C-alpha atoms as a PDB file:
ATOM      1  CA  MET A   1      27.415  20.696  -8.547  1.00  0.00           C
ATOM      2  CA  LEU A   2      24.894  17.421  -9.472  1.00  0.00           C
ATOM      3  CA  LEU A   3      21.253  17.514  -7.573  1.00  0.00           C
ATOM      4  CA  GLN A   4      19.887  14.343  -6.658  1.00  0.00           C
ATOM      5  CA  SER A   5      16.508  13.731  -5.771  1.00  0.00           C
ATOM      6  CA  VAL A   6      14.985  12.086  -3.378  1.00  0.00           C
ATOM      7  CA  ILE A   7      11.654  10.847  -2.544  1.00  0.00           C
ATOM      8  CA  TYR A   8      10.123  10.239   0.589  1.00  0.00           C
ATOM      9  CA  VAL A   9       7.084   7.416   1.051  1.00  0.00           C
ATOM     10  CA  THR A  10       4.654   8.937   3.816  1.00  0.00           C
ATOM     11  CA  ALA A  11       1.496   6.921   4.604  1.00  0.00           C
ATOM     12  CA  THR A  12      -1.973   8.534   3.086  1.00  0.00           C
ATOM     13  CA  ALA A  13      -4.196  10.443   4.549  1.00  0.00           C
ATOM     14  CA  ASP A  14      -6.733   7.993   4.690  1.00  0.00           C
ATOM     15  CA  TYR A  15      -4.226   5.175   6.019  1.00  0.00           C
ATOM     16  CA  LEU A  16      -3.333   7.631   8.776  1.00  0.00           C
ATOM     17  CA  LEU A  17      -7.459   7.831   9.522  1.00  0.00           C
ATOM     18  CA  LEU A  18      -7.235   4.324   9.697  1.00  0.00           C
ATOM     19  CA  GLN A  19      -4.299   4.247  12.356  1.00  0.00           C
ATOM     20  CA  LYS A  20      -5.859   6.940  14.758  1.00  0.00           C
ATOM     21  CA  CYS A  21      -8.831   5.036  14.031  1.00  0.00           C
ATOM     22  CA  GLU A  22      -7.129   1.943  15.819  1.00  0.00           C
ATOM     23  CA  VAL A  23      -4.941   3.704  18.545  1.00  0.00           C
ATOM     24  CA  PHE A  24      -8.673   5.320  19.581  1.00  0.00           C
ATOM     25  CA  LEU A  25     -10.061   2.546  20.895  1.00  0.00           C
ATOM     26  CA  SER A  26      -6.732   0.695  21.830  1.00  0.00           C
ATOM     27  CA  HIS A  27      -5.958   3.027  24.980  1.00  0.00           C
ATOM     28  CA  ARG A  28      -6.758   1.695  27.907  1.00  0.00           C
ATOM     29  CA  HIS A  29      -7.862   5.124  28.477  1.00  0.00           C
ATOM     30  CA  VAL A  30      -9.904   7.478  25.797  1.00  0.00           C
ATOM     31  CA  LYS A  31      -7.465   9.916  24.770  1.00  0.00           C
ATOM     32  CA  ALA A  32      -8.888  13.390  23.347  1.00  0.00           C
ATOM     33  CA  ARG A  33      -5.800  14.251  21.021  1.00  0.00           C
ATOM     34  CA  ASP A  34      -6.430  11.354  19.282  1.00  0.00           C
ATOM     35  CA  ALA A  35     -10.194  12.151  18.982  1.00  0.00           C
ATOM     36  CA  PHE A  36      -9.245  15.472  17.560  1.00  0.00           C
ATOM     37  CA  ASP A  37      -6.860  13.653  15.001  1.00  0.00           C
ATOM     38  CA  ILE A  38      -9.503  11.960  13.539  1.00  0.00           C
ATOM     39  CA  HIS A  39     -11.655  15.099  13.364  1.00  0.00           C
ATOM     40  CA  LEU A  40      -9.093  17.138  11.935  1.00  0.00           C
ATOM     41  CA  LEU A  41      -8.176  14.201   9.135  1.00  0.00           C
ATOM     42  CA  LEU A  42     -11.814  13.935   8.087  1.00  0.00           C
ATOM     43  CA  THR A  43     -12.376  17.366   7.911  1.00  0.00           C
ATOM     44  CA  ARG A  44      -9.055  17.834   5.379  1.00  0.00           C
ATOM     45  CA  GLY A  45     -10.912  15.058   3.227  1.00  0.00           C
ATOM     46  CA  ALA A  46      -9.553  11.926   4.279  1.00  0.00           C
ATOM     47  CA  SER A  47     -11.973   8.842   4.255  1.00  0.00           C
ATOM     48  CA  LEU A  48     -12.115   5.261   4.740  1.00  0.00           C
ATOM     49  CA  ASN A  49     -12.577   3.494   1.446  1.00  0.00           C
ATOM     50  CA  ASP A  50     -14.015   0.149   1.771  1.00  0.00           C
ATOM     51  CA  ASN A  51     -10.932  -1.349   2.077  1.00  0.00           C
ATOM     52  CA  LEU A  52      -9.618   0.291   5.164  1.00  0.00           C
ATOM     53  CA  ARG A  53     -13.271   0.079   6.436  1.00  0.00           C
ATOM     54  CA  ALA A  54     -12.685  -3.392   6.293  1.00  0.00           C
ATOM     55  CA  HIS A  55     -10.040  -3.461   7.834  1.00  0.00           C
ATOM     56  CA  LEU A  56     -11.182  -0.856  10.999  1.00  0.00           C
ATOM     57  CA  GLU A  57     -14.057  -4.042  11.047  1.00  0.00           C
ATOM     58  CA  ASP A  58     -11.618  -6.363  10.942  1.00  0.00           C
ATOM     59  CA  PHE A  59      -9.882  -5.042  13.950  1.00  0.00           C
ATOM     60  CA  VAL A  60     -12.615  -4.011  15.928  1.00  0.00           C
ATOM     61  CA  SER A  61     -13.974  -7.776  15.543  1.00  0.00           C
ATOM     62  CA  LEU A  62     -10.665  -9.736  16.564  1.00  0.00           C
ATOM     63  CA  LYS A  63     -10.743  -7.136  19.566  1.00  0.00           C
ATOM     64  CA  ASP A  64     -14.085  -7.977  20.228  1.00  0.00           C
ATOM     65  CA  LEU A  65     -15.036  -4.468  21.202  1.00  0.00           C
ATOM     66  CA  ASP A  66     -19.138  -3.592  20.133  1.00  0.00           C
ATOM     67  CA  GLY A  67     -21.118  -0.663  19.268  1.00  0.00           C
ATOM     68  CA  GLU A  68     -21.169  -0.083  22.640  1.00  0.00           C
ATOM     69  CA  PHE A  69     -17.902   0.227  23.419  1.00  0.00           C
ATOM     70  CA  ILE A  70     -17.092   2.424  20.820  1.00  0.00           C
ATOM     71  CA  GLU A  71     -20.044   4.999  21.468  1.00  0.00           C
ATOM     72  CA  ALA A  72     -18.828   4.850  25.166  1.00  0.00           C
ATOM     73  CA  ARG A  73     -15.574   5.924  24.282  1.00  0.00           C
ATOM     74  CA  ILE A  74     -17.249   8.727  21.888  1.00  0.00           C
ATOM     75  CA  GLN A  75     -19.354   9.715  25.145  1.00  0.00           C
ATOM     76  CA  ASN A  76     -16.077  10.274  26.931  1.00  0.00           C
ATOM     77  CA  ILE A  77     -14.928  13.151  24.854  1.00  0.00           C
ATOM     78  CA  ASP A  78     -16.449  15.304  27.048  1.00  0.00           C
ATOM     79  CA  VAL A  79     -15.600  19.193  28.044  1.00  0.00           C
ATOM     80  CA  ARG A  80     -13.486  18.193  31.047  1.00  0.00           C
ATOM     81  CA  LEU A  81     -11.234  16.149  29.076  1.00  0.00           C
ATOM     82  CA  CYS A  82     -10.794  17.944  26.192  1.00  0.00           C
ATOM     83  CA  THR A  83      -9.876  20.868  28.118  1.00  0.00           C
ATOM     84  CA  ALA A  84      -7.000  19.308  30.180  1.00  0.00           C
ATOM     85  CA  GLU A  85      -5.886  17.370  26.862  1.00  0.00           C
ATOM     86  CA  LEU A  86      -6.284  19.914  23.815  1.00  0.00           C
ATOM     87  CA  ARG A  87      -6.302  23.472  25.259  1.00  0.00           C
ATOM     88  CA  SER A  88      -2.311  23.260  25.701  1.00  0.00           C
ATOM     89  CA  VAL A  89      -2.157  21.780  22.117  1.00  0.00           C
ATOM     90  CA  LEU A  90      -4.346  24.116  20.161  1.00  0.00           C
ATOM     91  CA  PRO A  91      -3.848  27.258  18.439  1.00  0.00           C
ATOM     92  CA  PRO A  92      -6.701  29.220  20.950  1.00  0.00           C
ATOM     93  CA  ALA A  93      -8.894  30.203  18.462  1.00  0.00           C
ATOM     94  CA  LEU A  94      -9.534  26.752  17.619  1.00  0.00           C
ATOM     95  CA  PHE A  95      -9.689  25.324  20.920  1.00  0.00           C
ATOM     96  CA  ASP A  96     -12.193  28.012  21.527  1.00  0.00           C
ATOM     97  CA  GLU A  97     -14.572  27.443  18.458  1.00  0.00           C
ATOM     98  CA  LEU A  98     -14.846  23.638  19.629  1.00  0.00           C
ATOM     99  CA  ALA A  99     -15.048  24.492  23.339  1.00  0.00           C
ATOM    100  CA  THR A 100     -18.325  26.830  22.435  1.00  0.00           C
ATOM    101  CA  THR A 101     -19.515  24.092  20.733  1.00  0.00           C
ATOM    102  CA  LYS A 102     -18.772  21.873  24.191  1.00  0.00           C
ATOM    103  CA  PHE A 103     -16.576  19.779  21.564  1.00  0.00           C
ATOM    104  CA  ALA A 104     -19.716  17.896  20.030  1.00  0.00           C
ATOM    105  CA  PRO A 105     -18.090  18.519  16.438  1.00  0.00           C
ATOM    106  CA  ILE A 106     -14.925  15.936  17.305  1.00  0.00           C
ATOM    107  CA  ARG A 107     -17.730  13.578  18.609  1.00  0.00           C
ATOM    108  CA  ASP A 108     -19.338  13.824  15.357  1.00  0.00           C
ATOM    109  CA  SER A 109     -16.256  12.851  13.586  1.00  0.00           C
ATOM    110  CA  LEU A 110     -16.232  10.171  15.970  1.00  0.00           C
ATOM    111  CA  ARG A 111     -19.237   8.798  15.075  1.00  0.00           C
ATOM    112  CA  VAL A 112     -18.695   9.036  10.719  1.00  0.00           C
ATOM    113  CA  ALA A 113     -15.490   7.267  10.884  1.00  0.00           C
ATOM    114  CA  PHE A 114     -17.188   4.460  13.806  1.00  0.00           C
ATOM    115  CA  SER A 115     -20.539   4.196  11.389  1.00  0.00           C
ATOM    116  CA  GLY A 116     -20.378   0.963  10.832  1.00  0.00           C
ATOM    117  CA  CYS A 117     -18.955  -0.367  13.834  1.00  0.00           C
ATOM    118  CA  VAL A 118     -21.695   1.410  15.658  1.00  0.00           C
ATOM    119  CA  GLU A 119     -24.441   1.077  13.736  1.00  0.00           C
ATOM    120  CA  ASP A 120     -24.027  -2.696  12.589  1.00  0.00           C
ATOM    121  CA  ASN A 121     -21.646  -3.869  14.691  1.00  0.00           C
ATOM    122  CA  SER A 122     -23.676  -7.165  15.912  1.00  0.00           C
ATOM    123  CA  ASN A 123     -24.164  -7.546  12.176  1.00  0.00           C
ATOM    124  CA  GLU A 124     -20.510  -7.106  11.231  1.00  0.00           C
ATOM    125  CA  LEU A 125     -19.488  -9.207  13.945  1.00  0.00           C
ATOM    126  CA  ASP A 126     -21.324 -11.881  12.573  1.00  0.00           C
ATOM    127  CA  ARG A 127     -20.510 -11.477   9.521  1.00  0.00           C
ATOM    128  CA  CYS A 128     -16.481 -11.719  10.596  1.00  0.00           C
ATOM    129  CA  ALA A 129     -17.450 -14.948  12.497  1.00  0.00           C
ATOM    130  CA  ASP A 130     -18.963 -16.226   9.588  1.00  0.00           C
ATOM    131  CA  ARG A 131     -15.697 -15.538   7.483  1.00  0.00           C
ATOM    132  CA  ARG A 132     -13.341 -16.819  10.285  1.00  0.00           C
ATOM    133  CA  GLY A 133     -15.511 -20.076  10.444  1.00  0.00           C
ATOM    134  CA  ALA A 134     -15.515 -20.921   6.704  1.00  0.00           C
ATOM    135  CA  GLN A 135     -11.741 -20.267   6.720  1.00  0.00           C
ATOM    136  CA  GLU A 136     -11.095 -22.549   9.626  1.00  0.00           C
ATOM    137  CA  GLN A 137     -13.531 -25.157   7.728  1.00  0.00           C
ATOM    138  CA  ARG A 138     -11.173 -24.537   4.579  1.00  0.00           C
ATOM    139  CA  ALA A 139      -7.888 -24.890   6.782  1.00  0.00           C
ATOM    140  CA  ALA A 140      -9.408 -27.830   8.385  1.00  0.00           C
ATOM    141  CA  ASP A 141      -9.913 -29.351   4.659  1.00  0.00           C
END
């Protein structure tokens, strides 16, 4: 019997983190599951390198989001929403641990993930606008 090896190509945890961040900002209504997924990825060692962070900042800029919008979404990850959306999907011990802290670790993880977008958003938007203007100028020449 001849065994064949198969290679499966999957996204890295870092790239999944970028995708989850984009989804967290994209849904019409904030979802606790998206927030928890970001928290889980960060606690398991995923991070946004300079390239992925630039992609996230471009996403924020293209969607015309600002730090206030992002912080408001983070604040919406509250006890009521987390209880409604996470109680049935998380192991009871993990849910109880997060509930004891009123889900603050999830909000903290979101602030880490969006740190460049929340704190320096106005400067980043200016830099992105400058980049777009320079690109448009080169295209016009």
